[in-house]
Each structure stands twice: as C-alpha cells, then as structure tokens.
PDB file of all heavy atoms in Angstrom:
ATOM      1  N   ALA A   1     -50.526  52.258 -89.880  1.00  0.00           N
ATOM      2  CA  ALA A   1     -49.806  51.058 -89.829  1.00  0.00           C
ATOM      3  C   ALA A   1     -48.531  51.200 -90.697  1.00  0.00           C
ATOM      4  O   ALA A   1     -47.516  50.406 -90.549  1.00  0.00           O
ATOM      5  CB  ALA A   1     -50.686  49.936 -90.157  1.00  0.00           C
ATOM      6  N   ARG A   2     -48.674  51.868 -91.870  1.00  0.00           N
ATOM      7  CA  ARG A   2     -47.584  51.970 -92.848  1.00  0.00           C
ATOM      8  C   ARG A   2     -46.498  53.075 -92.490  1.00  0.00           C
ATOM      9  O   ARG A   2     -45.527  53.114 -93.234  1.00  0.00           O
ATOM     10  CB  ARG A   2     -48.251  52.388 -94.213  1.00  0.00           C
ATOM     11  CG  ARG A   2     -49.078  51.377 -94.874  1.00  0.00           C
ATOM     12  CD  ARG A   2     -48.373  50.277 -95.429  1.00  0.00           C
ATOM     13  NE  ARG A   2     -47.443  50.869 -96.554  1.00  0.00           N
ATOM     14  CZ  ARG A   2     -46.669  50.228 -97.266  1.00  0.00           C
ATOM     15  NH1 ARG A   2     -46.592  48.936 -97.086  1.00  0.00           N
ATOM     16  NH2 ARG A   2     -45.983  50.824 -98.125  1.00  0.00           N
ATOM     17  N   GLU A   3     -46.699  53.847 -91.440  1.00  0.00           N
ATOM     18  CA  GLU A   3     -45.697  54.862 -91.053  1.00  0.00           C
ATOM     19  C   GLU A   3     -44.510  54.056 -90.634  1.00  0.00           C
ATOM     20  O   GLU A   3     -44.330  53.084 -90.033  1.00  0.00           O
ATOM     21  CB  GLU A   3     -46.219  55.723 -89.882  1.00  0.00           C
ATOM     22  CG  GLU A   3     -47.354  56.573 -90.239  1.00  0.00           C
ATOM     23  CD  GLU A   3     -47.983  57.371 -89.110  1.00  0.00           C
ATOM     24  OE1 GLU A   3     -47.597  57.150 -87.928  1.00  0.00           O
ATOM     25  OE2 GLU A   3     -48.890  58.059 -89.373  1.00  0.00           O
ATOM     26  N   ALA A   4     -43.370  54.684 -90.969  1.00  0.00           N
ATOM     27  CA  ALA A   4     -42.022  54.126 -90.752  1.00  0.00           C
ATOM     28  C   ALA A   4     -41.750  53.947 -89.240  1.00  0.00           C
ATOM     29  O   ALA A   4     -41.183  52.933 -88.957  1.00  0.00           O
ATOM     30  CB  ALA A   4     -40.898  55.078 -91.354  1.00  0.00           C
ATOM     31  N   ALA A   5     -42.223  54.838 -88.485  1.00  0.00           N
ATOM     32  CA  ALA A   5     -41.945  54.641 -87.025  1.00  0.00           C
ATOM     33  C   ALA A   5     -43.144  54.098 -86.261  1.00  0.00           C
ATOM     34  O   ALA A   5     -43.348  54.254 -85.162  1.00  0.00           O
ATOM     35  CB  ALA A   5     -41.560  56.048 -86.404  1.00  0.00           C
ATOM     36  N   PHE A   6     -44.020  53.195 -87.018  1.00  0.00           N
ATOM     37  CA  PHE A   6     -45.085  52.669 -86.337  1.00  0.00           C
ATOM     38  C   PHE A   6     -44.716  51.808 -85.206  1.00  0.00           C
ATOM     39  O   PHE A   6     -43.904  50.978 -85.181  1.00  0.00           O
ATOM     40  CB  PHE A   6     -45.842  51.772 -87.357  1.00  0.00           C
ATOM     41  CG  PHE A   6     -46.957  51.034 -86.658  1.00  0.00           C
ATOM     42  CD1 PHE A   6     -48.209  51.593 -86.389  1.00  0.00           C
ATOM     43  CD2 PHE A   6     -46.946  49.690 -86.371  1.00  0.00           C
ATOM     44  CE1 PHE A   6     -49.341  51.074 -85.795  1.00  0.00           C
ATOM     45  CE2 PHE A   6     -47.970  49.010 -85.805  1.00  0.00           C
ATOM     46  CZ  PHE A   6     -49.191  49.622 -85.565  1.00  0.00           C
ATOM     47  N   ASP A   7     -45.410  51.952 -83.921  1.00  0.00           N
ATOM     48  CA  ASP A   7     -45.334  51.245 -82.899  1.00  0.00           C
ATOM     49  C   ASP A   7     -46.604  51.018 -82.151  1.00  0.00           C
ATOM     50  O   ASP A   7     -47.252  52.168 -81.965  1.00  0.00           O
ATOM     51  CB  ASP A   7     -44.380  51.894 -81.784  1.00  0.00           C
ATOM     52  CG  ASP A   7     -44.057  51.132 -80.454  1.00  0.00           C
ATOM     53  OD1 ASP A   7     -45.122  50.810 -79.953  1.00  0.00           O
ATOM     54  OD2 ASP A   7     -42.978  50.902 -80.206  1.00  0.00           O
ATOM     55  N   ALA A   8     -47.204  49.898 -82.083  1.00  0.00           N
ATOM     56  CA  ALA A   8     -48.559  49.673 -81.724  1.00  0.00           C
ATOM     57  C   ALA A   8     -48.720  50.309 -80.242  1.00  0.00           C
ATOM     58  O   ALA A   8     -49.841  50.896 -80.065  1.00  0.00           O
ATOM     59  CB  ALA A   8     -48.832  48.137 -81.634  1.00  0.00           C
ATOM     60  N   THR A   9     -47.754  50.207 -79.324  1.00  0.00           N
ATOM     61  CA  THR A   9     -48.066  50.834 -78.045  1.00  0.00           C
ATOM     62  C   THR A   9     -48.270  52.256 -78.172  1.00  0.00           C
ATOM     63  O   THR A   9     -49.156  52.816 -77.533  1.00  0.00           O
ATOM     64  CB  THR A   9     -46.798  50.443 -77.111  1.00  0.00           C
ATOM     65  OG1 THR A   9     -46.699  49.031 -77.040  1.00  0.00           O
ATOM     66  CG2 THR A   9     -47.082  50.940 -75.600  1.00  0.00           C
ATOM     67  N   VAL A  10     -47.430  53.012 -78.854  1.00  0.00           N
ATOM     68  CA  VAL A  10     -47.491  54.445 -79.004  1.00  0.00           C
ATOM     69  C   VAL A  10     -48.714  54.764 -79.628  1.00  0.00           C
ATOM     70  O   VAL A  10     -49.394  55.769 -79.243  1.00  0.00           O
ATOM     71  CB  VAL A  10     -46.238  54.907 -79.815  1.00  0.00           C
ATOM     72  CG1 VAL A  10     -46.465  56.526 -80.222  1.00  0.00           C
ATOM     73  CG2 VAL A  10     -44.977  54.801 -79.136  1.00  0.00           C
ATOM     74  N   GLU A  11     -49.185  54.114 -80.659  1.00  0.00           N
ATOM     75  CA  GLU A  11     -50.454  54.547 -81.382  1.00  0.00           C
ATOM     76  C   GLU A  11     -51.739  54.103 -80.538  1.00  0.00           C
ATOM     77  O   GLU A  11     -52.666  54.936 -80.527  1.00  0.00           O
ATOM     78  CB  GLU A  11     -50.633  53.684 -82.660  1.00  0.00           C
ATOM     79  CG  GLU A  11     -49.382  53.981 -83.717  1.00  0.00           C
ATOM     80  CD  GLU A  11     -49.231  55.533 -83.910  1.00  0.00           C
ATOM     81  OE1 GLU A  11     -50.195  56.286 -83.898  1.00  0.00           O
ATOM     82  OE2 GLU A  11     -48.160  55.917 -84.221  1.00  0.00           O
ATOM     83  N   PHE A  12     -51.589  53.136 -79.731  1.00  0.00           N
ATOM     84  CA  PHE A  12     -52.640  52.873 -78.774  1.00  0.00           C
ATOM     85  C   PHE A  12     -52.754  54.057 -77.767  1.00  0.00           C
ATOM     86  O   PHE A  12     -53.961  54.513 -77.433  1.00  0.00           O
ATOM     87  CB  PHE A  12     -52.408  51.548 -77.978  1.00  0.00           C
ATOM     88  CG  PHE A  12     -53.372  51.185 -76.940  1.00  0.00           C
ATOM     89  CD1 PHE A  12     -54.654  50.793 -77.273  1.00  0.00           C
ATOM     90  CD2 PHE A  12     -53.178  51.504 -75.590  1.00  0.00           C
ATOM     91  CE1 PHE A  12     -55.667  50.337 -76.317  1.00  0.00           C
ATOM     92  CE2 PHE A  12     -54.141  51.213 -74.551  1.00  0.00           C
ATOM     93  CZ  PHE A  12     -55.365  50.753 -74.998  1.00  0.00           C
ATOM     94  N   MET A  13     -51.667  54.478 -77.275  1.00  0.00           N
ATOM     95  CA  MET A  13     -51.697  55.682 -76.314  1.00  0.00           C
ATOM     96  C   MET A  13     -52.187  56.893 -77.005  1.00  0.00           C
ATOM     97  O   MET A  13     -52.873  57.787 -76.388  1.00  0.00           O
ATOM     98  CB  MET A  13     -50.309  55.894 -75.665  1.00  0.00           C
ATOM     99  CG  MET A  13     -49.804  54.633 -74.893  1.00  0.00           C
ATOM    100  SD  MET A  13     -51.131  54.107 -73.648  1.00  0.00           S
ATOM    101  CE  MET A  13     -50.471  55.112 -72.325  1.00  0.00           C
ATOM    102  N   ARG A  14     -51.894  57.090 -78.296  1.00  0.00           N
ATOM    103  CA  ARG A  14     -52.362  58.272 -79.022  1.00  0.00           C
ATOM    104  C   ARG A  14     -53.747  58.172 -79.403  1.00  0.00           C
ATOM    105  O   ARG A  14     -54.460  59.126 -79.865  1.00  0.00           O
ATOM    106  CB  ARG A  14     -51.513  58.374 -80.356  1.00  0.00           C
ATOM    107  CG  ARG A  14     -50.129  58.816 -80.086  1.00  0.00           C
ATOM    108  CD  ARG A  14     -49.419  58.956 -81.492  1.00  0.00           C
ATOM    109  NE  ARG A  14     -48.099  59.489 -81.179  1.00  0.00           N
ATOM    110  CZ  ARG A  14     -47.101  59.435 -82.040  1.00  0.00           C
ATOM    111  NH1 ARG A  14     -47.370  58.960 -83.315  1.00  0.00           N
ATOM    112  NH2 ARG A  14     -45.870  59.970 -81.887  1.00  0.00           N
ATOM    113  N   GLY A  15     -54.406  57.012 -79.378  1.00  0.00           N
ATOM    114  CA  GLY A  15     -55.802  56.733 -79.705  1.00  0.00           C
ATOM    115  C   GLY A  15     -56.027  56.467 -81.181  1.00  0.00           C
ATOM    116  O   GLY A  15     -57.136  56.444 -81.680  1.00  0.00           O
ATOM    117  N   ARG A  16     -54.918  56.279 -81.922  1.00  0.00           N
ATOM    118  CA  ARG A  16     -55.028  55.774 -83.374  1.00  0.00           C
ATOM    119  C   ARG A  16     -55.115  54.346 -83.528  1.00  0.00           C
ATOM    120  O   ARG A  16     -55.561  53.877 -84.571  1.00  0.00           O
ATOM    121  CB  ARG A  16     -53.909  56.477 -84.082  1.00  0.00           C
ATOM    122  CG  ARG A  16     -53.847  57.885 -84.021  1.00  0.00           C
ATOM    123  CD  ARG A  16     -52.906  58.607 -85.053  1.00  0.00           C
ATOM    124  NE  ARG A  16     -51.663  58.044 -85.208  1.00  0.00           N
ATOM    125  CZ  ARG A  16     -50.803  58.513 -86.115  1.00  0.00           C
ATOM    126  NH1 ARG A  16     -51.147  59.379 -86.939  1.00  0.00           N
ATOM    127  NH2 ARG A  16     -49.658  58.029 -86.209  1.00  0.00           N
ATOM    128  N   LEU A  17     -54.922  53.562 -82.520  1.00  0.00           N
ATOM    129  CA  LEU A  17     -55.048  52.130 -82.666  1.00  0.00           C
ATOM    130  C   LEU A  17     -55.981  51.682 -81.584  1.00  0.00           C
ATOM    131  O   LEU A  17     -55.918  52.131 -80.306  1.00  0.00           O
ATOM    132  CB  LEU A  17     -53.723  51.417 -82.240  1.00  0.00           C
ATOM    133  CG  LEU A  17     -53.618  49.956 -82.257  1.00  0.00           C
ATOM    134  CD1 LEU A  17     -52.307  49.318 -82.814  1.00  0.00           C
ATOM    135  CD2 LEU A  17     -53.977  49.377 -80.894  1.00  0.00           C
ATOM    136  N   LYS A  18     -57.090  51.043 -81.938  1.00  0.00           N
ATOM    137  CA  LYS A  18     -58.100  50.609 -81.030  1.00  0.00           C
ATOM    138  C   LYS A  18     -58.002  49.198 -80.691  1.00  0.00           C
ATOM    139  O   LYS A  18     -57.656  48.413 -81.647  1.00  0.00           O
ATOM    140  CB  LYS A  18     -59.541  50.916 -81.727  1.00  0.00           C
ATOM    141  CG  LYS A  18     -59.645  52.385 -82.232  1.00  0.00           C
ATOM    142  CD  LYS A  18     -59.764  53.253 -81.033  1.00  0.00           C
ATOM    143  CE  LYS A  18     -60.071  54.858 -81.612  1.00  0.00           C
ATOM    144  NZ  LYS A  18     -59.824  55.669 -80.657  1.00  0.00           N
ATOM    145  N   ALA A  19     -58.319  48.928 -79.485  1.00  0.00           N
ATOM    146  CA  ALA A  19     -58.216  47.431 -79.059  1.00  0.00           C
ATOM    147  C   ALA A  19     -59.369  47.105 -78.218  1.00  0.00           C
ATOM    148  O   ALA A  19     -59.708  47.937 -77.268  1.00  0.00           O
ATOM    149  CB  ALA A  19     -56.864  47.151 -78.365  1.00  0.00           C
ATOM    150  N   ALA A  20     -60.105  45.978 -78.431  1.00  0.00           N
ATOM    151  CA  ALA A  20     -61.143  45.445 -77.640  1.00  0.00           C
ATOM    152  C   ALA A  20     -60.830  44.146 -76.998  1.00  0.00           C
ATOM    153  O   ALA A  20     -60.242  43.368 -77.710  1.00  0.00           O
ATOM    154  CB  ALA A  20     -62.414  45.340 -78.468  1.00  0.00           C
ATOM    155  N   GLY A  21     -61.093  44.049 -75.806  1.00  0.00           N
ATOM    156  CA  GLY A  21     -60.780  42.855 -75.073  1.00  0.00           C
ATOM    157  C   GLY A  21     -60.395  43.261 -73.577  1.00  0.00           C
ATOM    158  O   GLY A  21     -60.635  44.270 -73.128  1.00  0.00           O
ATOM    159  N   HIS A  22     -59.965  42.192 -72.958  1.00  0.00           N
ATOM    160  CA  HIS A  22     -59.422  42.291 -71.483  1.00  0.00           C
ATOM    161  C   HIS A  22     -58.254  43.332 -71.479  1.00  0.00           C
ATOM    162  O   HIS A  22     -57.232  43.147 -72.160  1.00  0.00           O
ATOM    163  CB  HIS A  22     -59.163  41.003 -70.882  1.00  0.00           C
ATOM    164  CG  HIS A  22     -58.725  41.198 -69.407  1.00  0.00           C
ATOM    165  ND1 HIS A  22     -57.526  41.392 -68.960  1.00  0.00           N
ATOM    166  CD2 HIS A  22     -59.622  40.960 -68.308  1.00  0.00           C
ATOM    167  CE1 HIS A  22     -57.595  41.549 -67.687  1.00  0.00           C
ATOM    168  NE2 HIS A  22     -58.838  41.163 -67.195  1.00  0.00           N
ATOM    169  N   THR A  23     -58.259  44.398 -70.652  1.00  0.00           N
ATOM    170  CA  THR A  23     -57.262  45.359 -70.671  1.00  0.00           C
ATOM    171  C   THR A  23     -55.926  44.941 -70.236  1.00  0.00           C
ATOM    172  O   THR A  23     -54.898  45.276 -70.986  1.00  0.00           O
ATOM    173  CB  THR A  23     -57.636  46.532 -69.656  1.00  0.00           C
ATOM    174  OG1 THR A  23     -58.995  47.037 -70.012  1.00  0.00           O
ATOM    175  CG2 THR A  23     -56.674  47.649 -69.804  1.00  0.00           C
ATOM    176  N   GLY A  24     -55.829  44.052 -69.405  1.00  0.00           N
ATOM    177  CA  GLY A  24     -54.648  43.389 -68.986  1.00  0.00           C
ATOM    178  C   GLY A  24     -53.918  42.545 -70.117  1.00  0.00           C
ATOM    179  O   GLY A  24     -52.727  42.665 -70.299  1.00  0.00           O
TER     180      GLY A  24
END
C-alpha cells in the first residue's frame, strides 16, 4: 500500500490485494 505506484486494481490482479465479497 505504501508503494509510490500503488493501484488497487493492479494489485488485485497481481494477487497482492485480497478482497472478499460479491465479485461484481
């Protein structure tokens, strides 16, 4: 989260951001 180029969408696709809930 502290990386200068942090983007939640990119990190989700890389598997470094985890999300639980309805996919849509």
